[in-house]
Amino acid sequence: MFDVNIVGNDLGKNYFVTRPAAFSKFSDSIADDALDLAKALVASLTYGMTISSYYRGRIQMVSALMNKLIAGEV
């Protein structure tokens, strides 16, 4: 079994596959909603780094973006 996250926009849909166990080792079933959100974030970041065009806003400095998100500055 695999989890599929879909990132879509007016240009189409892109599918990102994760194993259900990829995140579950960090928590129990109570945190399933948070893990689903984490998977959606990973799919969105992957889209931004690998598929999104430079002119649309390709993510090039993911570590800087993550630092800002963690610090609550974005």
PDB file of N, CA and C in Angstrom:
ATOM      1  N   MET A   1       0.822  -1.191   0.000  1.00  0.00           N
ATOM      2  CA  MET A   1       0.000   0.000   0.000  1.00  0.00           C
ATOM      3  C   MET A   1       0.862   1.248   0.000  1.00  0.00           C
ATOM      4  N   PHE A   2       0.368   2.271  -0.660  1.00  0.00           N
ATOM      5  CA  PHE A   2       1.069   3.542  -0.728  1.00  0.00           C
ATOM      6  C   PHE A   2       0.076   4.669  -0.496  1.00  0.00           C
ATOM      7  N   ASP A   3       0.572   5.788  -0.004  1.00  0.00           N
ATOM      8  CA  ASP A   3      -0.226   7.011   0.089  1.00  0.00           C
ATOM      9  C   ASP A   3       0.107   7.862  -1.113  1.00  0.00           C
ATOM     10  N   VAL A   4      -0.912   8.447  -1.725  1.00  0.00           N
ATOM     11  CA  VAL A   4      -0.714   9.309  -2.879  1.00  0.00           C
ATOM     12  C   VAL A   4      -1.193  10.702  -2.516  1.00  0.00           C
ATOM     13  N   ASN A   5      -0.311  11.692  -2.702  1.00  0.00           N
ATOM     14  CA  ASN A   5      -0.660  13.092  -2.506  1.00  0.00           C
ATOM     15  C   ASN A   5      -0.666  13.750  -3.867  1.00  0.00           C
ATOM     16  N   ILE A   6      -1.678  14.559  -4.132  1.00  0.00           N
ATOM     17  CA  ILE A   6      -1.832  15.209  -5.427  1.00  0.00           C
ATOM     18  C   ILE A   6      -1.637  16.708  -5.254  1.00  0.00           C
ATOM     19  N   VAL A   7      -0.748  17.257  -6.066  1.00  0.00           N
ATOM     20  CA  VAL A   7      -0.562  18.708  -6.127  1.00  0.00           C
ATOM     21  C   VAL A   7      -1.073  19.134  -7.495  1.00  0.00           C
ATOM     22  N   GLY A   8      -2.082  19.982  -7.496  1.00  0.00           N
ATOM     23  CA  GLY A   8      -2.680  20.373  -8.761  1.00  0.00           C
ATOM     24  C   GLY A   8      -2.813  21.878  -8.897  1.00  0.00           C
ATOM     25  N   ASN A   9      -2.825  22.312 -10.140  1.00  0.00           N
ATOM     26  CA  ASN A   9      -3.067  23.714 -10.469  1.00  0.00           C
ATOM     27  C   ASN A   9      -3.682  23.766 -11.858  1.00  0.00           C
ATOM     28  N   ASP A  10      -3.747  24.941 -12.447  1.00  0.00           N
ATOM     29  CA  ASP A  10      -4.385  25.079 -13.759  1.00  0.00           C
ATOM     30  C   ASP A  10      -3.616  24.362 -14.876  1.00  0.00           C
ATOM     31  N   LEU A  11      -2.395  23.970 -14.631  1.00  0.00           N
ATOM     32  CA  LEU A  11      -1.603  23.257 -15.639  1.00  0.00           C
ATOM     33  C   LEU A  11      -1.756  21.740 -15.544  1.00  0.00           C
ATOM     34  N   GLY A  12      -2.382  21.251 -14.493  1.00  0.00           N
ATOM     35  CA  GLY A  12      -2.577  19.816 -14.344  1.00  0.00           C
ATOM     36  C   GLY A  12      -2.332  19.340 -12.936  1.00  0.00           C
ATOM     37  N   LYS A  13      -2.255  18.021 -12.803  1.00  0.00           N
ATOM     38  CA  LYS A  13      -2.052  17.394 -11.496  1.00  0.00           C
ATOM     39  C   LYS A  13      -0.750  16.605 -11.508  1.00  0.00           C
ATOM     40  N   ASN A  14      -0.086  16.585 -10.371  1.00  0.00           N
ATOM     41  CA  ASN A  14       1.119  15.789 -10.186  1.00  0.00           C
ATOM     42  C   ASN A  14       0.912  14.936  -8.951  1.00  0.00           C
ATOM     43  N   TYR A  15       1.334  13.689  -9.056  1.00  0.00           N
ATOM     44  CA  TYR A  15       1.117  12.717  -7.995  1.00  0.00           C
ATOM     45  C   TYR A  15       2.444  12.394  -7.322  1.00  0.00           C
ATOM     46  N   PHE A  16       2.440  12.389  -5.994  1.00  0.00           N
ATOM     47  CA  PHE A  16       3.623  12.058  -5.207  1.00  0.00           C
ATOM     48  C   PHE A  16       3.263  10.906  -4.281  1.00  0.00           C
ATOM     49  N   VAL A  17       4.069   9.874  -4.317  1.00  0.00           N
ATOM     50  CA  VAL A  17       3.778   8.644  -3.584  1.00  0.00           C
ATOM     51  C   VAL A  17       4.695   8.537  -2.373  1.00  0.00           C
ATOM     52  N   THR A  18       4.104   8.183  -1.236  1.00  0.00           N
ATOM     53  CA  THR A  18       4.885   7.895  -0.026  1.00  0.00           C
ATOM     54  C   THR A  18       4.412   6.573   0.543  1.00  0.00           C
ATOM     55  N   ARG A  19       5.281   5.932   1.252  1.00  0.00           N
ATOM     56  CA  ARG A  19       4.884   4.725   1.976  1.00  0.00           C
ATOM     57  C   ARG A  19       4.176   5.155   3.246  1.00  0.00           C
ATOM     58  N   PRO A  20       3.107   4.487   3.620  1.00  0.00           N
ATOM     59  CA  PRO A  20       2.413   4.850   4.863  1.00  0.00           C
ATOM     60  C   PRO A  20       3.339   4.818   6.071  1.00  0.00           C
ATOM     61  N   ALA A  21       4.312   3.930   6.071  1.00  0.00           N
ATOM     62  CA  ALA A  21       5.220   3.812   7.208  1.00  0.00           C
ATOM     63  C   ALA A  21       6.272   4.913   7.238  1.00  0.00           C
ATOM     64  N   ALA A  22       6.375   5.722   6.192  1.00  0.00           N
ATOM     65  CA  ALA A  22       7.416   6.748   6.137  1.00  0.00           C
ATOM     66  C   ALA A  22       7.297   7.748   7.277  1.00  0.00           C
ATOM     67  N   PHE A  23       6.096   8.018   7.726  1.00  0.00           N
ATOM     68  CA  PHE A  23       5.890   8.987   8.796  1.00  0.00           C
ATOM     69  C   PHE A  23       5.366   8.344  10.069  1.00  0.00           C
ATOM     70  N   SER A  24       4.732   7.181   9.976  1.00  0.00           N
ATOM     71  CA  SER A  24       4.047   6.611  11.131  1.00  0.00           C
ATOM     72  C   SER A  24       4.987   6.181  12.247  1.00  0.00           C
ATOM     73  N   LYS A  25       6.256   5.991  11.958  1.00  0.00           N
ATOM     74  CA  LYS A  25       7.174   5.571  13.013  1.00  0.00           C
ATOM     75  C   LYS A  25       7.386   6.657  14.065  1.00  0.00           C
ATOM     76  N   PHE A  26       6.946   7.895  13.768  1.00  0.00           N
ATOM     77  CA  PHE A  26       7.150   8.997  14.681  1.00  0.00           C
ATOM     78  C   PHE A  26       5.988   9.222  15.633  1.00  0.00           C
ATOM     79  N   SER A  27       4.873   8.529  15.437  1.00  0.00           N
ATOM     80  CA  SER A  27       3.725   8.775  16.305  1.00  0.00           C
ATOM     81  C   SER A  27       2.759   7.603  16.255  1.00  0.00           C
ATOM     82  N   ASP A  28       1.620   7.801  16.924  1.00  0.00           N
ATOM     83  CA  ASP A  28       0.573   6.790  16.905  1.00  0.00           C
ATOM     84  C   ASP A  28      -0.599   7.288  16.065  1.00  0.00           C
ATOM     85  N   SER A  29      -1.687   6.567  16.092  1.00  0.00           N
ATOM     86  CA  SER A  29      -2.821   6.899  15.232  1.00  0.00           C
ATOM     87  C   SER A  29      -3.511   8.202  15.604  1.00  0.00           C
ATOM     88  N   ILE A  30      -3.285   8.726  16.792  1.00  0.00           N
ATOM     89  CA  ILE A  30      -3.902   9.987  17.199  1.00  0.00           C
ATOM     90  C   ILE A  30      -3.419  11.145  16.328  1.00  0.00           C
ATOM     91  N   ALA A  31      -2.205  11.047  15.857  1.00  0.00           N
ATOM     92  CA  ALA A  31      -1.606  12.140  15.091  1.00  0.00           C
ATOM     93  C   ALA A  31      -1.744  11.945  13.585  1.00  0.00           C
ATOM     94  N   ASP A  32      -2.663  11.094  13.129  1.00  0.00           N
ATOM     95  CA  ASP A  32      -2.799  10.827  11.695  1.00  0.00           C
ATOM     96  C   ASP A  32      -3.078  12.091  10.881  1.00  0.00           C
ATOM     97  N   ASP A  33      -3.912  12.989  11.400  1.00  0.00           N
ATOM     98  CA  ASP A  33      -4.202  14.227  10.668  1.00  0.00           C
ATOM     99  C   ASP A  33      -2.946  15.070  10.496  1.00  0.00           C
ATOM    100  N   ALA A  34      -2.157  15.174  11.535  1.00  0.00           N
ATOM    101  CA  ALA A  34      -0.906  15.939  11.444  1.00  0.00           C
ATOM    102  C   ALA A  34       0.047  15.290  10.451  1.00  0.00           C
ATOM    103  N   LEU A  35       0.084  13.967  10.428  1.00  0.00           N
ATOM    104  CA  LEU A  35       0.957  13.272   9.480  1.00  0.00           C
ATOM    105  C   LEU A  35       0.481  13.463   8.052  1.00  0.00           C
ATOM    106  N   ASP A  36      -0.835  13.492   7.842  1.00  0.00           N
ATOM    107  CA  ASP A  36      -1.362  13.769   6.508  1.00  0.00           C
ATOM    108  C   ASP A  36      -0.966  15.170   6.049  1.00  0.00           C
ATOM    109  N   LEU A  37      -1.001  16.125   6.965  1.00  0.00           N
ATOM    110  CA  LEU A  37      -0.573  17.484   6.625  1.00  0.00           C
ATOM    111  C   LEU A  37       0.924  17.533   6.322  1.00  0.00           C
ATOM    112  N   ALA A  38       1.710  16.764   7.057  1.00  0.00           N
ATOM    113  CA  ALA A  38       3.149  16.710   6.805  1.00  0.00           C
ATOM    114  C   ALA A  38       3.423  16.115   5.431  1.00  0.00           C
ATOM    115  N   LYS A  39       2.698  15.080   5.056  1.00  0.00           N
ATOM    116  CA  LYS A  39       2.856  14.480   3.730  1.00  0.00           C
ATOM    117  C   LYS A  39       2.466  15.468   2.634  1.00  0.00           C
ATOM    118  N   ALA A  40       1.407  16.240   2.877  1.00  0.00           N
ATOM    119  CA  ALA A  40       0.995  17.255   1.905  1.00  0.00           C
ATOM    120  C   ALA A  40       2.066  18.339   1.767  1.00  0.00           C
ATOM    121  N   LEU A  41       2.688  18.729   2.876  1.00  0.00           N
ATOM    122  CA  LEU A  41       3.770  19.717   2.829  1.00  0.00           C
ATOM    123  C   LEU A  41       4.945  19.179   2.030  1.00  0.00           C
ATOM    124  N   VAL A  42       5.326  17.929   2.280  1.00  0.00           N
ATOM    125  CA  VAL A  42       6.443  17.323   1.550  1.00  0.00           C
ATOM    126  C   VAL A  42       6.129  17.256   0.059  1.00  0.00           C
ATOM    127  N   ALA A  43       4.905  16.878  -0.301  1.00  0.00           N
ATOM    128  CA  ALA A  43       4.517  16.821  -1.704  1.00  0.00           C
ATOM    129  C   ALA A  43       4.575  18.208  -2.345  1.00  0.00           C
ATOM    130  N   SER A  44       4.096  19.218  -1.636  1.00  0.00           N
ATOM    131  CA  SER A  44       4.118  20.582  -2.162  1.00  0.00           C
ATOM    132  C   SER A  44       5.544  21.100  -2.330  1.00  0.00           C
ATOM    133  N   LEU A  45       6.401  20.811  -1.359  1.00  0.00           N
ATOM    134  CA  LEU A  45       7.802  21.225  -1.480  1.00  0.00           C
ATOM    135  C   LEU A  45       8.492  20.506  -2.634  1.00  0.00           C
ATOM    136  N   THR A  46       8.218  19.217  -2.780  1.00  0.00           N
ATOM    137  CA  THR A  46       8.804  18.456  -3.877  1.00  0.00           C
ATOM    138  C   THR A  46       8.365  19.013  -5.214  1.00  0.00           C
ATOM    139  N   TYR A  47       7.089  19.349  -5.336  1.00  0.00           N
ATOM    140  CA  TYR A  47       6.587  19.982  -6.554  1.00  0.00           C
ATOM    141  C   TYR A  47       7.328  21.293  -6.817  1.00  0.00           C
ATOM    142  N   GLY A  48       7.446  22.108  -5.803  1.00  0.00           N
ATOM    143  CA  GLY A  48       8.098  23.408  -5.949  1.00  0.00           C
ATOM    144  C   GLY A  48       9.568  23.311  -6.304  1.00  0.00           C
ATOM    145  N   MET A  49      10.228  22.245  -5.871  1.00  0.00           N
ATOM    146  CA  MET A  49      11.656  22.078  -6.143  1.00  0.00           C
ATOM    147  C   MET A  49      11.930  21.379  -7.474  1.00  0.00           C
ATOM    148  N   THR A  50      11.011  20.517  -7.922  1.00  0.00           N
ATOM    149  CA  THR A  50      11.322  19.679  -9.078  1.00  0.00           C
ATOM    150  C   THR A  50      10.484  19.948 -10.319  1.00  0.00           C
ATOM    151  N   ILE A  51       9.267  20.434 -10.159  1.00  0.00           N
ATOM    152  CA  ILE A  51       8.371  20.562 -11.303  1.00  0.00           C
ATOM    153  C   ILE A  51       8.051  22.012 -11.645  1.00  0.00           C
ATOM    154  N   SER A  52       7.853  22.833 -10.656  1.00  0.00           N
ATOM    155  CA  SER A  52       7.486  24.231 -10.890  1.00  0.00           C
ATOM    156  C   SER A  52       8.577  24.939 -11.691  1.00  0.00           C
ATOM    157  N   SER A  53       8.158  25.775 -12.623  1.00  0.00           N
ATOM    158  CA  SER A  53       9.131  26.479 -13.463  1.00  0.00           C
ATOM    159  C   SER A  53       9.799  27.616 -12.690  1.00  0.00           C
ATOM    160  N   TYR A  54      10.926  28.040 -13.196  1.00  0.00           N
ATOM    161  CA  TYR A  54      11.652  29.160 -12.589  1.00  0.00           C
ATOM    162  C   TYR A  54      10.768  30.399 -12.552  1.00  0.00           C
ATOM    163  N   TYR A  55      10.018  30.648 -13.619  1.00  0.00           N
ATOM    164  CA  TYR A  55       9.202  31.858 -13.719  1.00  0.00           C
ATOM    165  C   TYR A  55       7.976  31.801 -12.815  1.00  0.00           C
ATOM    166  N   ARG A  56       7.542  30.605 -12.463  1.00  0.00           N
ATOM    167  CA  ARG A  56       6.404  30.461 -11.563  1.00  0.00           C
ATOM    168  C   ARG A  56       6.843  30.562 -10.113  1.00  0.00           C
ATOM    169  N   GLY A  57       8.105  30.282  -9.852  1.00  0.00           N
ATOM    170  CA  GLY A  57       8.619  30.370  -8.495  1.00  0.00           C
ATOM    171  C   GLY A  57       9.195  29.071  -7.994  1.00  0.00           C
ATOM    172  N   ARG A  58      10.133  28.507  -8.730  1.00  0.00           N
ATOM    173  CA  ARG A  58      10.764  27.250  -8.313  1.00  0.00           C
ATOM    174  C   ARG A  58      11.497  27.452  -6.991  1.00  0.00           C
ATOM    175  N   ILE A  59      11.339  26.522  -6.088  1.00  0.00           N
ATOM    176  CA  ILE A  59      12.027  26.585  -4.794  1.00  0.00           C
ATOM    177  C   ILE A  59      13.475  26.173  -5.012  1.00  0.00           C
ATOM    178  N   GLN A  60      14.386  27.084  -4.730  1.00  0.00           N
ATOM    179  CA  GLN A  60      15.801  26.803  -4.932  1.00  0.00           C
ATOM    180  C   GLN A  60      16.568  26.718  -3.613  1.00  0.00           C
ATOM    181  N   MET A  61      16.088  27.368  -2.598  1.00  0.00           N
ATOM    182  CA  MET A  61      16.772  27.370  -1.301  1.00  0.00           C
ATOM    183  C   MET A  61      15.826  26.805  -0.247  1.00  0.00           C
ATOM    184  N   VAL A  62      15.599  25.491  -0.332  1.00  0.00           N
ATOM    185  CA  VAL A  62      14.623  24.874   0.560  1.00  0.00           C
ATOM    186  C   VAL A  62      15.042  25.008   2.024  1.00  0.00           C
ATOM    187  N   SER A  63      16.327  24.990   2.309  1.00  0.00           N
ATOM    188  CA  SER A  63      16.752  25.119   3.710  1.00  0.00           C
ATOM    189  C   SER A  63      16.410  26.506   4.254  1.00  0.00           C
ATOM    190  N   ALA A  64      16.563  27.542   3.456  1.00  0.00           N
ATOM    191  CA  ALA A  64      16.196  28.893   3.899  1.00  0.00           C
ATOM    192  C   ALA A  64      14.686  28.993   4.104  1.00  0.00           C
ATOM    193  N   LEU A  65      13.908  28.400   3.208  1.00  0.00           N
ATOM    194  CA  LEU A  65      12.457  28.399   3.344  1.00  0.00           C
ATOM    195  C   LEU A  65      12.031  27.672   4.617  1.00  0.00           C
ATOM    196  N   MET A  66      12.619  26.512   4.865  1.00  0.00           N
ATOM    197  CA  MET A  66      12.269  25.749   6.067  1.00  0.00           C
ATOM    198  C   MET A  66      12.658  26.510   7.339  1.00  0.00           C
ATOM    199  N   ASN A  67      13.803  27.167   7.331  1.00  0.00           N
ATOM    200  CA  ASN A  67      14.202  27.970   8.498  1.00  0.00           C
ATOM    201  C   ASN A  67      13.191  29.070   8.778  1.00  0.00           C
ATOM    202  N   LYS A  68      12.709  29.726   7.730  1.00  0.00           N
ATOM    203  CA  LYS A  68      11.695  30.777   7.896  1.00  0.00           C
ATOM    204  C   LYS A  68      10.379  30.198   8.422  1.00  0.00           C
ATOM    205  N   LEU A  69       9.976  29.059   7.865  1.00  0.00           N
ATOM    206  CA  LEU A  69       8.728  28.425   8.325  1.00  0.00           C
ATOM    207  C   LEU A  69       8.821  28.016   9.783  1.00  0.00           C
ATOM    208  N   ILE A  70       9.928  27.419  10.162  1.00  0.00           N
ATOM    209  CA  ILE A  70      10.123  26.976  11.543  1.00  0.00           C
ATOM    210  C   ILE A  70      10.158  28.159  12.505  1.00  0.00           C
ATOM    211  N   ALA A  71      10.753  29.262  12.058  1.00  0.00           N
ATOM    212  CA  ALA A  71      10.824  30.458  12.905  1.00  0.00           C
ATOM    213  C   ALA A  71       9.495  31.222  12.929  1.00  0.00           C
ATOM    214  N   GLY A  72       8.554  30.833  12.079  1.00  0.00           N
ATOM    215  CA  GLY A  72       7.261  31.501  12.028  1.00  0.00           C
ATOM    216  C   GLY A  72       7.302  32.845  11.337  1.00  0.00           C
ATOM    217  N   GLU A  73       8.260  33.043  10.449  1.00  0.00           N
ATOM    218  CA  GLU A  73       8.425  34.333   9.784  1.00  0.00           C
ATOM    219  C   GLU A  73       7.681  34.436   8.460  1.00  0.00           C
ATOM    220  N   VAL A  74       7.068  33.357   7.994  1.00  0.00           N
ATOM    221  CA  VAL A  74       6.401  33.403   6.689  1.00  0.00           C
ATOM    222  C   VAL A  74       4.898  33.390   6.885  1.00  0.00           C
TER     223      VAL A  74
END
